[in-house]
C-alpha atoms as a PDB file:
ATOM      1  CA  UNK A   1      10.037 102.123  40.294  1.00  0.00           C
ATOM      2  CA  UNK A   2       8.724 105.458  41.580  1.00  0.00           C
ATOM      3  CA  UNK A   3       5.032 106.456  41.211  1.00  0.00           C
ATOM      4  CA  UNK A   4       6.351 109.736  39.081  1.00  0.00           C
ATOM      5  CA  UNK A   5       8.265 107.129  36.824  1.00  0.00           C
ATOM      6  CA  UNK A   6       5.055 105.101  36.310  1.00  0.00           C
ATOM      7  CA  UNK A   7       3.062 108.148  35.573  1.00  0.00           C
ATOM      8  CA  UNK A   8       5.627 109.608  33.019  1.00  0.00           C
ATOM      9  CA  UNK A   9       5.559 106.405  31.226  1.00  0.00           C
ATOM     10  CA  UNK A  10       2.768 105.773  28.700  1.00  0.00           C
ATOM     11  CA  UNK A  11       1.785 102.321  28.068  1.00  0.00           C
ATOM     12  CA  UNK A  12      -0.337 103.369  25.077  1.00  0.00           C
ATOM     13  CA  UNK A  13       2.077 105.107  23.246  1.00  0.00           C
ATOM     14  CA  UNK A  14       1.745 108.949  22.362  1.00  0.00           C
ATOM     15  CA  UNK A  15      -1.783 110.310  23.582  1.00  0.00           C
ATOM     16  CA  UNK A  16      -3.500 112.161  20.661  1.00  0.00           C
ATOM     17  CA  UNK A  17      -3.782 115.163  23.148  1.00  0.00           C
ATOM     18  CA  UNK A  18      -0.187 115.494  23.175  1.00  0.00           C
ATOM     19  CA  UNK A  19      -0.100 115.960  19.331  1.00  0.00           C
ATOM     20  CA  UNK A  20      -2.348 118.861  19.722  1.00  0.00           C
ATOM     21  CA  UNK A  21      -1.242 122.345  19.248  1.00  0.00           C
ATOM     22  CA  UNK A  22      -0.748 124.428  22.451  1.00  0.00           C
ATOM     23  CA  UNK A  23      -2.838 127.461  22.813  1.00  0.00           C
ATOM     24  CA  UNK A  24      -0.505 130.727  23.049  1.00  0.00           C
ATOM     25  CA  UNK A  25      -3.587 132.555  24.881  1.00  0.00           C
ATOM     26  CA  UNK A  26      -5.406 131.369  27.978  1.00  0.00           C
ATOM     27  CA  UNK A  27      -8.498 133.372  28.807  1.00  0.00           C
ATOM     28  CA  UNK A  28      -8.454 132.456  32.292  1.00  0.00           C
ATOM     29  CA  UNK A  29      -5.108 133.640  33.231  1.00  0.00           C
ATOM     30  CA  UNK A  30      -4.369 136.303  30.592  1.00  0.00           C
ATOM     31  CA  UNK A  31      -6.752 139.062  30.128  1.00  0.00           C
ATOM     32  CA  UNK A  32      -5.173 140.367  27.202  1.00  0.00           C
ATOM     33  CA  UNK A  33      -4.638 138.763  23.621  1.00  0.00           C
ATOM     34  CA  UNK A  34      -1.129 137.987  22.377  1.00  0.00           C
ATOM     35  CA  UNK A  35      -1.576 139.796  19.142  1.00  0.00           C
ATOM     36  CA  UNK A  36      -3.965 142.469  20.561  1.00  0.00           C
ATOM     37  CA  UNK A  37      -2.835 145.235  17.727  1.00  0.00           C
ATOM     38  CA  UNK A  38      -3.736 143.180  15.115  1.00  0.00           C
ATOM     39  CA  UNK A  39      -7.083 142.181  16.422  1.00  0.00           C
ATOM     40  CA  UNK A  40      -8.083 145.544  17.668  1.00  0.00           C
ATOM     41  CA  UNK A  41      -9.814 146.404  14.327  1.00  0.00           C
ATOM     42  CA  UNK A  42     -11.646 143.309  14.214  1.00  0.00           C
ATOM     43  CA  UNK A  43     -13.093 143.577  17.715  1.00  0.00           C
ATOM     44  CA  UNK A  44     -14.045 147.230  16.867  1.00  0.00           C
ATOM     45  CA  UNK A  45     -15.779 145.996  13.691  1.00  0.00           C
ATOM     46  CA  UNK A  46     -17.408 143.295  15.901  1.00  0.00           C
ATOM     47  CA  UNK A  47     -18.645 145.939  18.370  1.00  0.00           C
ATOM     48  CA  UNK A  48     -20.088 148.115  15.786  1.00  0.00           C
ATOM     49  CA  UNK A  49     -21.834 145.400  14.179  1.00  0.00           C
ATOM     50  CA  UNK A  50     -23.384 144.482  17.565  1.00  0.00           C
ATOM     51  CA  UNK A  51     -24.503 147.991  18.210  1.00  0.00           C
ATOM     52  CA  UNK A  52     -26.106 148.378  14.743  1.00  0.00           C
ATOM     53  CA  UNK A  53     -28.399 145.672  15.390  1.00  0.00           C
ATOM     54  CA  UNK A  54     -31.015 148.025  16.566  1.00  0.00           C
ATOM     55  CA  UNK A  55     -30.660 149.761  13.005  1.00  0.00           C
ATOM     56  CA  UNK A  56     -32.280 146.836  11.561  1.00  0.00           C
ATOM     57  CA  UNK A  57     -35.834 147.804  13.358  1.00  0.00           C
ATOM     58  CA  UNK A  58     -38.187 149.976  11.584  1.00  0.00           C
ATOM     59  CA  UNK A  59     -41.573 151.837  12.521  1.00  0.00           C
ATOM     60  CA  UNK A  60     -44.629 150.707  11.134  1.00  0.00           C
ATOM     61  CA  UNK A  61     -48.118 152.147  11.378  1.00  0.00           C
ATOM     62  CA  UNK A  62     -50.867 149.632  11.339  1.00  0.00           C
ATOM     63  CA  UNK A  63     -54.422 149.731  10.701  1.00  0.00           C
ATOM     64  CA  UNK A  64     -56.852 146.436  10.746  1.00  0.00           C
ATOM     65  CA  UNK A  65     -59.764 146.087   8.884  1.00  0.00           C
ATOM     66  CA  UNK A  66     -63.214 145.968  10.359  1.00  0.00           C
ATOM     67  CA  UNK A  67     -63.744 142.771  12.331  1.00  0.00           C
ATOM     68  CA  UNK A  68     -64.231 141.060  15.448  1.00  0.00           C
ATOM     69  CA  UNK A  69     -61.975 138.335  16.771  1.00  0.00           C
ATOM     70  CA  UNK A  70     -62.216 136.797  20.124  1.00  0.00           C
ATOM     71  CA  UNK A  71     -64.186 139.643  21.401  1.00  0.00           C
ATOM     72  CA  UNK A  72     -61.680 141.988  20.514  1.00  0.00           C
ATOM     73  CA  UNK A  73     -63.101 144.709  17.895  1.00  0.00           C
ATOM     74  CA  UNK A  74     -60.809 145.825  15.150  1.00  0.00           C
ATOM     75  CA  UNK A  75     -61.407 149.241  13.625  1.00  0.00           C
ATOM     76  CA  UNK A  76     -59.597 150.978  10.917  1.00  0.00           C
ATOM     77  CA  UNK A  77     -59.943 154.298  12.659  1.00  0.00           C
ATOM     78  CA  UNK A  78     -57.312 152.940  15.231  1.00  0.00           C
ATOM     79  CA  UNK A  79     -53.820 153.202  14.152  1.00  0.00           C
ATOM     80  CA  UNK A  80     -51.060 151.130  16.127  1.00  0.00           C
ATOM     81  CA  UNK A  81     -47.405 152.189  15.755  1.00  0.00           C
ATOM     82  CA  UNK A  82     -44.844 149.656  16.494  1.00  0.00           C
ATOM     83  CA  UNK A  83     -41.188 148.821  15.908  1.00  0.00           C
ATOM     84  CA  UNK A  84     -40.593 145.623  14.064  1.00  0.00           C
ATOM     85  CA  UNK A  85     -37.986 144.053  11.685  1.00  0.00           C
ATOM     86  CA  UNK A  86     -40.778 142.590   9.257  1.00  0.00           C
ATOM     87  CA  UNK A  87     -44.351 142.906   8.077  1.00  0.00           C
ATOM     88  CA  UNK A  88     -45.105 139.824   9.867  1.00  0.00           C
ATOM     89  CA  UNK A  89     -43.530 141.145  13.076  1.00  0.00           C
ATOM     90  CA  UNK A  90     -45.478 144.161  12.801  1.00  0.00           C
ATOM     91  CA  UNK A  91     -48.565 142.700  12.295  1.00  0.00           C
ATOM     92  CA  UNK A  92     -48.037 140.323  15.367  1.00  0.00           C
ATOM     93  CA  UNK A  93     -46.990 143.252  17.700  1.00  0.00           C
ATOM     94  CA  UNK A  94     -49.922 145.570  16.482  1.00  0.00           C
ATOM     95  CA  UNK A  95     -52.314 142.698  17.099  1.00  0.00           C
ATOM     96  CA  UNK A  96     -51.120 142.353  20.740  1.00  0.00           C
ATOM     97  CA  UNK A  97     -51.536 146.058  21.237  1.00  0.00           C
ATOM     98  CA  UNK A  98     -55.087 145.730  20.144  1.00  0.00           C
ATOM     99  CA  UNK A  99     -55.789 142.949  22.660  1.00  0.00           C
ATOM    100  CA  UNK A 100     -55.496 139.715  20.631  1.00  0.00           C
ATOM    101  CA  UNK A 101     -53.650 136.922  22.092  1.00  0.00           C
ATOM    102  CA  UNK A 102     -52.139 133.565  20.971  1.00  0.00           C
ATOM    103  CA  UNK A 103     -52.153 132.935  17.451  1.00  0.00           C
ATOM    104  CA  UNK A 104     -55.271 135.267  16.615  1.00  0.00           C
ATOM    105  CA  UNK A 105     -52.957 137.841  14.856  1.00  0.00           C
ATOM    106  CA  UNK A 106     -53.004 135.111  11.906  1.00  0.00           C
ATOM    107  CA  UNK A 107     -56.740 135.388  11.319  1.00  0.00           C
ATOM    108  CA  UNK A 108     -56.735 139.522  11.229  1.00  0.00           C
ATOM    109  CA  UNK A 109     -57.159 141.404   7.804  1.00  0.00           C
ATOM    110  CA  UNK A 110     -54.782 144.131   7.139  1.00  0.00           C
ATOM    111  CA  UNK A 111     -56.395 147.382   5.986  1.00  0.00           C
ATOM    112  CA  UNK A 112     -53.167 149.500   5.870  1.00  0.00           C
ATOM    113  CA  UNK A 113     -49.454 148.513   6.827  1.00  0.00           C
ATOM    114  CA  UNK A 114     -47.027 151.492   6.138  1.00  0.00           C
ATOM    115  CA  UNK A 115     -43.248 151.402   7.084  1.00  0.00           C
ATOM    116  CA  UNK A 116     -42.198 154.745   8.276  1.00  0.00           C
ATOM    117  CA  UNK A 117     -38.512 154.286   8.599  1.00  0.00           C
END
C-alpha cells in the first residue's frame, strides 16, 4: 500500500468536517464577494451606521455647586462645556476638566446641567 492510499482511507469513517458546507468565498484568496451586487446596499447601510455614531454625542454645559473636593474648588460661575452621550458621562468629563481625578466625580453636586444639542 502506498502512503497516499493510506491517507485517503479513513479508519474512523466520514469526518464531521467533511459534512460541513463549503464556503463559496474565501476572504484570503478573493477580495470581492460572490454576490457583491446584492450585498452592496447592506454594506452601504453598515458604513452609514458606522459614520453616524458621532451623531449620538451631544454638547453639554455643566456648572457645579459651590464646594471643595480633594483640594479643587468648584464654583457655579465656571461653566464647563463637554461632548458626551449621557448626563453621567457629561458630569464625569466636566469634573475631569475641573481638575478632579478618579472617582471624585461621584461626590460632586450639580448646580446646572444643560443639553445644548
